[in-house]
Amino acid sequence: MAKDKMVIRDDTILMDYRLIFKAIREEKGNWEQVEKELDALYTSLQEKIK
């Protein structure tokens, strides 16, 4: 069975929660930075699908 790490819909990004927690650990607990990075990813993807 295939396991998706990320699924992108028109207005939603579904991510494996482990990726999010891994990113938070890599940023030494700075979840605000991870949130900014995910927001930037979302914005970038939205611009590409317009």
PDB file of N, CA and C in Angstrom:
ATOM      1  N   MET A   1       0.843  -1.178   0.000  1.00  0.00           N
ATOM      2  CA  MET A   1       0.000   0.000   0.000  1.00  0.00           C
ATOM      3  C   MET A   1       0.889   1.243   0.000  1.00  0.00           C
ATOM      4  N   ALA A   2       0.597   2.167  -0.899  1.00  0.00           N
ATOM      5  CA  ALA A   2       1.370   3.412  -0.978  1.00  0.00           C
ATOM      6  C   ALA A   2       1.044   4.301   0.215  1.00  0.00           C
ATOM      7  N   LYS A   3       2.054   5.006   0.678  1.00  0.00           N
ATOM      8  CA  LYS A   3       1.855   5.920   1.801  1.00  0.00           C
ATOM      9  C   LYS A   3       2.204   7.323   1.337  1.00  0.00           C
ATOM     10  N   ASP A   4       1.212   8.190   1.314  1.00  0.00           N
ATOM     11  CA  ASP A   4       1.439   9.575   0.926  1.00  0.00           C
ATOM     12  C   ASP A   4       1.944  10.360   2.119  1.00  0.00           C
ATOM     13  N   LYS A   5       2.952  11.181   1.886  1.00  0.00           N
ATOM     14  CA  LYS A   5       3.461  12.077   2.921  1.00  0.00           C
ATOM     15  C   LYS A   5       2.735  13.418   2.866  1.00  0.00           C
ATOM     16  N   MET A   6       2.292  13.786   1.644  1.00  0.00           N
ATOM     17  CA  MET A   6       1.620  15.060   1.467  1.00  0.00           C
ATOM     18  C   MET A   6       0.612  14.917   0.326  1.00  0.00           C
ATOM     19  N   VAL A   7      -0.581  15.456   0.542  1.00  0.00           N
ATOM     20  CA  VAL A   7      -1.615  15.479  -0.481  1.00  0.00           C
ATOM     21  C   VAL A   7      -2.034  16.931  -0.641  1.00  0.00           C
ATOM     22  N   ILE A   8      -2.073  17.406  -1.876  1.00  0.00           N
ATOM     23  CA  ILE A   8      -2.406  18.802  -2.127  1.00  0.00           C
ATOM     24  C   ILE A   8      -3.738  18.864  -2.858  1.00  0.00           C
ATOM     25  N   ARG A   9      -4.665  19.600  -2.284  1.00  0.00           N
ATOM     26  CA  ARG A   9      -5.967  19.848  -2.898  1.00  0.00           C
ATOM     27  C   ARG A   9      -6.005  21.329  -3.268  1.00  0.00           C
ATOM     28  N   ASP A  10      -7.106  21.790  -3.840  1.00  0.00           N
ATOM     29  CA  ASP A  10      -7.197  23.183  -4.266  1.00  0.00           C
ATOM     30  C   ASP A  10      -6.891  24.174  -3.151  1.00  0.00           C
ATOM     31  N   ASP A  11      -7.457  23.945  -1.983  1.00  0.00           N
ATOM     32  CA  ASP A  11      -7.286  24.911  -0.897  1.00  0.00           C
ATOM     33  C   ASP A  11      -6.782  24.269   0.391  1.00  0.00           C
ATOM     34  N   THR A  12      -6.216  23.069   0.277  1.00  0.00           N
ATOM     35  CA  THR A  12      -5.793  22.338   1.468  1.00  0.00           C
ATOM     36  C   THR A  12      -4.520  21.555   1.195  1.00  0.00           C
ATOM     37  N   ILE A  13      -3.632  21.531   2.182  1.00  0.00           N
ATOM     38  CA  ILE A  13      -2.472  20.650   2.146  1.00  0.00           C
ATOM     39  C   ILE A  13      -2.625  19.675   3.305  1.00  0.00           C
ATOM     40  N   LEU A  14      -2.704  18.398   2.994  1.00  0.00           N
ATOM     41  CA  LEU A  14      -2.763  17.361   4.021  1.00  0.00           C
ATOM     42  C   LEU A  14      -1.360  16.790   4.164  1.00  0.00           C
ATOM     43  N   MET A  15      -0.840  16.791   5.398  1.00  0.00           N
ATOM     44  CA  MET A  15       0.520  16.314   5.627  1.00  0.00           C
ATOM     45  C   MET A  15       0.538  15.265   6.718  1.00  0.00           C
ATOM     46  N   ASP A  16       1.438  14.324   6.578  1.00  0.00           N
ATOM     47  CA  ASP A  16       1.691  13.341   7.624  1.00  0.00           C
ATOM     48  C   ASP A  16       2.151  14.123   8.861  1.00  0.00           C
ATOM     49  N   TYR A  17       1.493  13.931   9.973  1.00  0.00           N
ATOM     50  CA  TYR A  17       1.816  14.691  11.184  1.00  0.00           C
ATOM     51  C   TYR A  17       3.267  14.508  11.604  1.00  0.00           C
ATOM     52  N   ARG A  18       3.859  13.368  11.263  1.00  0.00           N
ATOM     53  CA  ARG A  18       5.258  13.129  11.641  1.00  0.00           C
ATOM     54  C   ARG A  18       6.191  14.109  10.951  1.00  0.00           C
ATOM     55  N   LEU A  19       5.849  14.526   9.728  1.00  0.00           N
ATOM     56  CA  LEU A  19       6.666  15.524   9.030  1.00  0.00           C
ATOM     57  C   LEU A  19       6.635  16.864   9.755  1.00  0.00           C
ATOM     58  N   ILE A  20       5.466  17.212  10.259  1.00  0.00           N
ATOM     59  CA  ILE A  20       5.334  18.489  10.963  1.00  0.00           C
ATOM     60  C   ILE A  20       6.130  18.469  12.264  1.00  0.00           C
ATOM     61  N   PHE A  21       6.007  17.391  13.033  1.00  0.00           N
ATOM     62  CA  PHE A  21       6.753  17.311  14.291  1.00  0.00           C
ATOM     63  C   PHE A  21       8.254  17.211  14.046  1.00  0.00           C
ATOM     64  N   LYS A  22       8.650  16.548  12.967  1.00  0.00           N
ATOM     65  CA  LYS A  22      10.075  16.486  12.622  1.00  0.00           C
ATOM     66  C   LYS A  22      10.596  17.890  12.323  1.00  0.00           C
ATOM     67  N   ALA A  23       9.813  18.673  11.579  1.00  0.00           N
ATOM     68  CA  ALA A  23      10.217  20.045  11.263  1.00  0.00           C
ATOM     69  C   ALA A  23      10.329  20.885  12.532  1.00  0.00           C
ATOM     70  N   ILE A  24       9.408  20.711  13.467  1.00  0.00           N
ATOM     71  CA  ILE A  24       9.465  21.450  14.734  1.00  0.00           C
ATOM     72  C   ILE A  24      10.717  21.065  15.517  1.00  0.00           C
ATOM     73  N   ARG A  25      11.034  19.775  15.561  1.00  0.00           N
ATOM     74  CA  ARG A  25      12.260  19.337  16.248  1.00  0.00           C
ATOM     75  C   ARG A  25      13.497  19.930  15.584  1.00  0.00           C
ATOM     76  N   GLU A  26      13.517  19.951  14.247  1.00  0.00           N
ATOM     77  CA  GLU A  26      14.665  20.511  13.531  1.00  0.00           C
ATOM     78  C   GLU A  26      14.834  21.999  13.815  1.00  0.00           C
ATOM     79  N   GLU A  27      13.737  22.681  14.085  1.00  0.00           N
ATOM     80  CA  GLU A  27      13.785  24.114  14.424  1.00  0.00           C
ATOM     81  C   GLU A  27      13.906  24.322  15.935  1.00  0.00           C
ATOM     82  N   LYS A  28      14.261  23.268  16.650  1.00  0.00           N
ATOM     83  CA  LYS A  28      14.465  23.314  18.106  1.00  0.00           C
ATOM     84  C   LYS A  28      13.233  23.844  18.841  1.00  0.00           C
ATOM     85  N   GLY A  29      12.066  23.358  18.411  1.00  0.00           N
ATOM     86  CA  GLY A  29      10.826  23.709  19.096  1.00  0.00           C
ATOM     87  C   GLY A  29      10.172  24.997  18.632  1.00  0.00           C
ATOM     88  N   ASN A  30      10.769  25.669  17.678  1.00  0.00           N
ATOM     89  CA  ASN A  30      10.222  26.943  17.212  1.00  0.00           C
ATOM     90  C   ASN A  30       9.086  26.681  16.215  1.00  0.00           C
ATOM     91  N   TRP A  31       7.905  26.390  16.759  1.00  0.00           N
ATOM     92  CA  TRP A  31       6.777  26.057  15.898  1.00  0.00           C
ATOM     93  C   TRP A  31       6.314  27.246  15.070  1.00  0.00           C
ATOM     94  N   GLU A  32       6.556  28.473  15.554  1.00  0.00           N
ATOM     95  CA  GLU A  32       6.174  29.653  14.778  1.00  0.00           C
ATOM     96  C   GLU A  32       6.942  29.693  13.458  1.00  0.00           C
ATOM     97  N   GLN A  33       8.223  29.326  13.486  1.00  0.00           N
ATOM     98  CA  GLN A  33       9.033  29.293  12.267  1.00  0.00           C
ATOM     99  C   GLN A  33       8.505  28.227  11.313  1.00  0.00           C
ATOM    100  N   VAL A  34       8.163  27.080  11.849  1.00  0.00           N
ATOM    101  CA  VAL A  34       7.607  26.005  11.016  1.00  0.00           C
ATOM    102  C   VAL A  34       6.289  26.462  10.403  1.00  0.00           C
ATOM    103  N   GLU A  35       5.478  27.151  11.178  1.00  0.00           N
ATOM    104  CA  GLU A  35       4.212  27.671  10.660  1.00  0.00           C
ATOM    105  C   GLU A  35       4.465  28.634   9.504  1.00  0.00           C
ATOM    106  N   LYS A  36       5.442  29.517   9.645  1.00  0.00           N
ATOM    107  CA  LYS A  36       5.782  30.457   8.569  1.00  0.00           C
ATOM    108  C   LYS A  36       6.221  29.709   7.315  1.00  0.00           C
ATOM    109  N   GLU A  37       7.044  28.678   7.495  1.00  0.00           N
ATOM    110  CA  GLU A  37       7.527  27.901   6.354  1.00  0.00           C
ATOM    111  C   GLU A  37       6.378  27.165   5.662  1.00  0.00           C
ATOM    112  N   LEU A  38       5.462  26.616   6.444  1.00  0.00           N
ATOM    113  CA  LEU A  38       4.314  25.928   5.852  1.00  0.00           C
ATOM    114  C   LEU A  38       3.379  26.911   5.152  1.00  0.00           C
ATOM    115  N   ASP A  39       3.213  28.101   5.727  1.00  0.00           N
ATOM    116  CA  ASP A  39       2.411  29.137   5.072  1.00  0.00           C
ATOM    117  C   ASP A  39       3.037  29.534   3.739  1.00  0.00           C
ATOM    118  N   ALA A  40       4.367  29.658   3.713  1.00  0.00           N
ATOM    119  CA  ALA A  40       5.069  30.006   2.476  1.00  0.00           C
ATOM    120  C   ALA A  40       4.897  28.899   1.436  1.00  0.00           C
ATOM    121  N   LEU A  41       4.964  27.650   1.872  1.00  0.00           N
ATOM    122  CA  LEU A  41       4.751  26.520   0.972  1.00  0.00           C
ATOM    123  C   LEU A  41       3.343  26.575   0.391  1.00  0.00           C
ATOM    124  N   TYR A  42       2.368  26.803   1.240  1.00  0.00           N
ATOM    125  CA  TYR A  42       0.973  26.874   0.795  1.00  0.00           C
ATOM    126  C   TYR A  42       0.785  27.995  -0.229  1.00  0.00           C
ATOM    127  N   THR A  43       1.338  29.169   0.064  1.00  0.00           N
ATOM    128  CA  THR A  43       1.228  30.308  -0.851  1.00  0.00           C
ATOM    129  C   THR A  43       1.886  29.992  -2.190  1.00  0.00           C
ATOM    130  N   SER A  44       3.057  29.401  -2.138  1.00  0.00           N
ATOM    131  CA  SER A  44       3.772  29.031  -3.360  1.00  0.00           C
ATOM    132  C   SER A  44       2.962  28.053  -4.204  1.00  0.00           C
ATOM    133  N   LEU A  45       2.380  27.062  -3.554  1.00  0.00           N
ATOM    134  CA  LEU A  45       1.578  26.085  -4.283  1.00  0.00           C
ATOM    135  C   LEU A  45       0.325  26.717  -4.868  1.00  0.00           C
ATOM    136  N   GLN A  46      -0.292  27.621  -4.135  1.00  0.00           N
ATOM    137  CA  GLN A  46      -1.490  28.295  -4.630  1.00  0.00           C
ATOM    138  C   GLN A  46      -1.175  29.108  -5.879  1.00  0.00           C
ATOM    139  N   GLU A  47      -0.007  29.758  -5.898  1.00  0.00           N
ATOM    140  CA  GLU A  47       0.386  30.556  -7.064  1.00  0.00           C
ATOM    141  C   GLU A  47       0.618  29.666  -8.282  1.00  0.00           C
ATOM    142  N   LYS A  48       1.105  28.459  -8.066  1.00  0.00           N
ATOM    143  CA  LYS A  48       1.400  27.554  -9.181  1.00  0.00           C
ATOM    144  C   LYS A  48       0.149  26.939  -9.788  1.00  0.00           C
ATOM    145  N   ILE A  49      -0.912  26.807  -9.009  1.00  0.00           N
ATOM    146  CA  ILE A  49      -2.106  26.146  -9.542  1.00  0.00           C
ATOM    147  C   ILE A  49      -3.152  27.125 -10.059  1.00  0.00           C
ATOM    148  N   LYS A  50      -2.872  28.401  -9.992  1.00  0.00           N
ATOM    149  CA  LYS A  50      -3.832  29.406 -10.501  1.00  0.00           C
ATOM    150  C   LYS A  50      -3.836  29.413 -12.009  1.00  0.00           C
TER     151      LYS A  50
END
